[in-house]
Amino acid sequence: MLLDAETFLHELSRLFGDSRESGSVNITFKQLTGANLVRAFKGKPEAASADPHDVRCIIHAKGPHARLSTIIGARDVVRFQISIAALFKTNMINLKKKERKPKAPKKKAE
């Protein structure tokens, strides 16, 4: 489902909440240019060809029960990445430290 940036961040936060106990969230970033841009706008070339030098980025998020996506313009990427980084930091509380087994002392060669 294609959402605007603010709604995407809100829904992504809910997606992180849904997968808190079990499951995972996969996020991908992809640059949109040319044919990819027309495909993203479902064959509407007038929406895709506003400015050929306007580079856009599509972000997909896939969770246990939902798929989200949004398209960000080049001038909004930095602001969006700051927002999504803050969202990542607040939702990384369930990461577990790797349990390390104690190393047995090495036997000395006689």
C-alpha atoms as a PDB file:
ATOM      1  CA  MET A   1       0.000   0.000   0.000  1.00  0.00           C
ATOM      2  CA  LEU A   2       1.518   3.331  -1.093  1.00  0.00           C
ATOM      3  CA  LEU A   3       1.417   5.933   1.702  1.00  0.00           C
ATOM      4  CA  ASP A   4       2.718   9.437   2.238  1.00  0.00           C
ATOM      5  CA  ALA A   5       5.864   9.801   4.386  1.00  0.00           C
ATOM      6  CA  GLU A   6       4.227  10.715   7.711  1.00  0.00           C
ATOM      7  CA  THR A   7       1.601   7.968   7.479  1.00  0.00           C
ATOM      8  CA  PHE A   8       4.328   5.504   6.489  1.00  0.00           C
ATOM      9  CA  LEU A   9       6.340   6.346   9.625  1.00  0.00           C
ATOM     10  CA  HIS A  10       3.242   5.988  11.809  1.00  0.00           C
ATOM     11  CA  GLU A  11       2.309   2.632  10.253  1.00  0.00           C
ATOM     12  CA  LEU A  12       5.933   1.467  10.478  1.00  0.00           C
ATOM     13  CA  SER A  13       5.860   2.211  14.196  1.00  0.00           C
ATOM     14  CA  ARG A  14       2.725   0.057  14.504  1.00  0.00           C
ATOM     15  CA  LEU A  15       4.421  -2.654  12.455  1.00  0.00           C
ATOM     16  CA  PHE A  16       7.361  -2.669  14.869  1.00  0.00           C
ATOM     17  CA  GLY A  17       4.896  -2.963  17.751  1.00  0.00           C
ATOM     18  CA  ASP A  18       3.123  -5.905  16.122  1.00  0.00           C
ATOM     19  CA  SER A  19       6.392  -7.769  15.624  1.00  0.00           C
ATOM     20  CA  ARG A  20       7.745  -7.021  19.103  1.00  0.00           C
ATOM     21  CA  GLU A  21       7.154 -10.499  20.558  1.00  0.00           C
ATOM     22  CA  SER A  22       7.891 -12.527  17.452  1.00  0.00           C
ATOM     23  CA  GLY A  23       8.510 -11.850  13.804  1.00  0.00           C
ATOM     24  CA  SER A  24      10.657  -9.382  11.926  1.00  0.00           C
ATOM     25  CA  VAL A  25      10.380  -6.262   9.807  1.00  0.00           C
ATOM     26  CA  ASN A  26      12.278  -5.975   6.506  1.00  0.00           C
ATOM     27  CA  ILE A  27      12.935  -2.532   5.071  1.00  0.00           C
ATOM     28  CA  THR A  28      14.380  -1.820   1.630  1.00  0.00           C
ATOM     29  CA  PHE A  29      15.363   1.447  -0.040  1.00  0.00           C
ATOM     30  CA  LYS A  30      15.507   1.690  -3.829  1.00  0.00           C
ATOM     31  CA  GLN A  31      16.247   4.573  -6.175  1.00  0.00           C
ATOM     32  CA  LEU A  32      13.499   5.308  -8.688  1.00  0.00           C
ATOM     33  CA  THR A  33      14.475   6.481 -12.156  1.00  0.00           C
ATOM     34  CA  GLY A  34      13.084   6.005 -15.652  1.00  0.00           C
ATOM     35  CA  ALA A  35      11.005   2.861 -16.159  1.00  0.00           C
ATOM     36  CA  ASN A  36      11.008   2.051 -12.432  1.00  0.00           C
ATOM     37  CA  LEU A  37       9.424   5.423 -11.749  1.00  0.00           C
ATOM     38  CA  VAL A  38       6.611   4.849 -14.261  1.00  0.00           C
ATOM     39  CA  ARG A  39       5.999   1.370 -12.831  1.00  0.00           C
ATOM     40  CA  ALA A  40       5.821   2.783  -9.288  1.00  0.00           C
ATOM     41  CA  PHE A  41       3.106   5.211 -10.355  1.00  0.00           C
ATOM     42  CA  LYS A  42       1.198   2.335 -12.011  1.00  0.00           C
ATOM     43  CA  GLY A  43       1.597   3.519 -15.601  1.00  0.00           C
ATOM     44  CA  LYS A  44       0.760   7.190 -15.059  1.00  0.00           C
ATOM     45  CA  PRO A  45       3.631   8.854 -16.953  1.00  0.00           C
ATOM     46  CA  GLU A  46       2.354  12.374 -16.222  1.00  0.00           C
ATOM     47  CA  ALA A  47       2.982  11.809 -12.484  1.00  0.00           C
ATOM     48  CA  ALA A  48       6.322  10.135 -13.116  1.00  0.00           C
ATOM     49  CA  SER A  49       7.790  12.616 -15.592  1.00  0.00           C
ATOM     50  CA  ALA A  50       7.351  15.898 -13.737  1.00  0.00           C
ATOM     51  CA  ASP A  51      11.126  16.501 -13.778  1.00  0.00           C
ATOM     52  CA  PRO A  52      13.590  13.991 -15.255  1.00  0.00           C
ATOM     53  CA  HIS A  53      16.314  15.146 -12.862  1.00  0.00           C
ATOM     54  CA  ASP A  54      14.110  14.683  -9.805  1.00  0.00           C
ATOM     55  CA  VAL A  55      15.486  11.512  -8.266  1.00  0.00           C
ATOM     56  CA  ARG A  56      13.126   9.690  -5.947  1.00  0.00           C
ATOM     57  CA  CYS A  57      13.505   6.846  -3.510  1.00  0.00           C
ATOM     58  CA  ILE A  58      10.955   4.145  -2.781  1.00  0.00           C
ATOM     59  CA  ILE A  59      10.945   2.554   0.663  1.00  0.00           C
ATOM     60  CA  HIS A  60       9.255  -0.801   1.263  1.00  0.00           C
ATOM     61  CA  ALA A  61       8.538  -2.256   4.701  1.00  0.00           C
ATOM     62  CA  LYS A  62       7.297  -5.794   5.119  1.00  0.00           C
ATOM     63  CA  GLY A  63       6.154  -7.166   8.440  1.00  0.00           C
ATOM     64  CA  PRO A  64       4.294 -10.225   9.664  1.00  0.00           C
ATOM     65  CA  HIS A  65       0.877  -8.979   8.528  1.00  0.00           C
ATOM     66  CA  ALA A  66       1.393  -5.888   6.390  1.00  0.00           C
ATOM     67  CA  ARG A  67       3.306  -4.401   3.478  1.00  0.00           C
ATOM     68  CA  LEU A  68       3.928  -0.668   3.320  1.00  0.00           C
ATOM     69  CA  SER A  69       5.664   1.612   0.840  1.00  0.00           C
ATOM     70  CA  THR A  70       6.281   5.284   0.281  1.00  0.00           C
ATOM     71  CA  ILE A  71       8.049   7.440  -2.287  1.00  0.00           C
ATOM     72  CA  ILE A  72      10.378  10.198  -1.101  1.00  0.00           C
ATOM     73  CA  GLY A  73      11.751  13.040  -3.240  1.00  0.00           C
ATOM     74  CA  ALA A  74      15.458  13.886  -3.263  1.00  0.00           C
ATOM     75  CA  ARG A  75      15.070  17.026  -1.141  1.00  0.00           C
ATOM     76  CA  ASP A  76      13.128  15.149   1.569  1.00  0.00           C
ATOM     77  CA  VAL A  77      15.490  12.184   1.952  1.00  0.00           C
ATOM     78  CA  VAL A  78      17.623  13.653   4.754  1.00  0.00           C
ATOM     79  CA  ARG A  79      14.616  14.677   6.846  1.00  0.00           C
ATOM     80  CA  PHE A  80      13.008  11.274   6.303  1.00  0.00           C
ATOM     81  CA  GLN A  81      16.195   9.398   7.241  1.00  0.00           C
ATOM     82  CA  ILE A  82      16.477  11.385  10.479  1.00  0.00           C
ATOM     83  CA  SER A  83      12.866  10.488  11.307  1.00  0.00           C
ATOM     84  CA  ILE A  84      13.304   6.817  10.477  1.00  0.00           C
ATOM     85  CA  ALA A  85      16.589   6.642  12.443  1.00  0.00           C
ATOM     86  CA  ALA A  86      14.787   7.953  15.532  1.00  0.00           C
ATOM     87  CA  LEU A  87      12.089   5.342  14.961  1.00  0.00           C
ATOM     88  CA  PHE A  88      14.711   2.592  14.708  1.00  0.00           C
ATOM     89  CA  LYS A  89      16.395   3.712  17.934  1.00  0.00           C
ATOM     90  CA  THR A  90      13.160   3.619  19.893  1.00  0.00           C
ATOM     91  CA  ASN A  91      12.185   0.189  18.591  1.00  0.00           C
ATOM     92  CA  MET A  92      15.477  -1.628  19.056  1.00  0.00           C
ATOM     93  CA  ILE A  93      14.773  -2.422  22.691  1.00  0.00           C
ATOM     94  CA  ASN A  94      14.131  -6.099  22.015  1.00  0.00           C
ATOM     95  CA  LEU A  95      17.529  -6.863  20.565  1.00  0.00           C
ATOM     96  CA  LYS A  96      19.219  -9.512  22.634  1.00  0.00           C
ATOM     97  CA  LYS A  97      22.897  -9.728  23.374  1.00  0.00           C
ATOM     98  CA  LYS A  98      24.634 -12.791  22.078  1.00  0.00           C
ATOM     99  CA  GLU A  99      25.314 -15.264  24.856  1.00  0.00           C
ATOM    100  CA  ARG A 100      28.977 -16.120  24.965  1.00  0.00           C
ATOM    101  CA  LYS A 101      30.177 -19.407  26.250  1.00  0.00           C
ATOM    102  CA  PRO A 102      33.048 -19.164  28.695  1.00  0.00           C
ATOM    103  CA  LYS A 103      36.290 -20.246  27.117  1.00  0.00           C
ATOM    104  CA  ALA A 104      38.021 -23.207  28.699  1.00  0.00           C
ATOM    105  CA  PRO A 105      41.629 -22.522  29.618  1.00  0.00           C
ATOM    106  CA  LYS A 106      44.077 -23.948  27.135  1.00  0.00           C
ATOM    107  CA  LYS A 107      46.138 -26.879  28.255  1.00  0.00           C
ATOM    108  CA  LYS A 108      49.854 -26.283  28.235  1.00  0.00           C
ATOM    109  CA  ALA A 109      51.949 -28.564  26.067  1.00  0.00           C
ATOM    110  CA  GLU A 110      54.532 -30.412  28.078  1.00  0.00           C
END
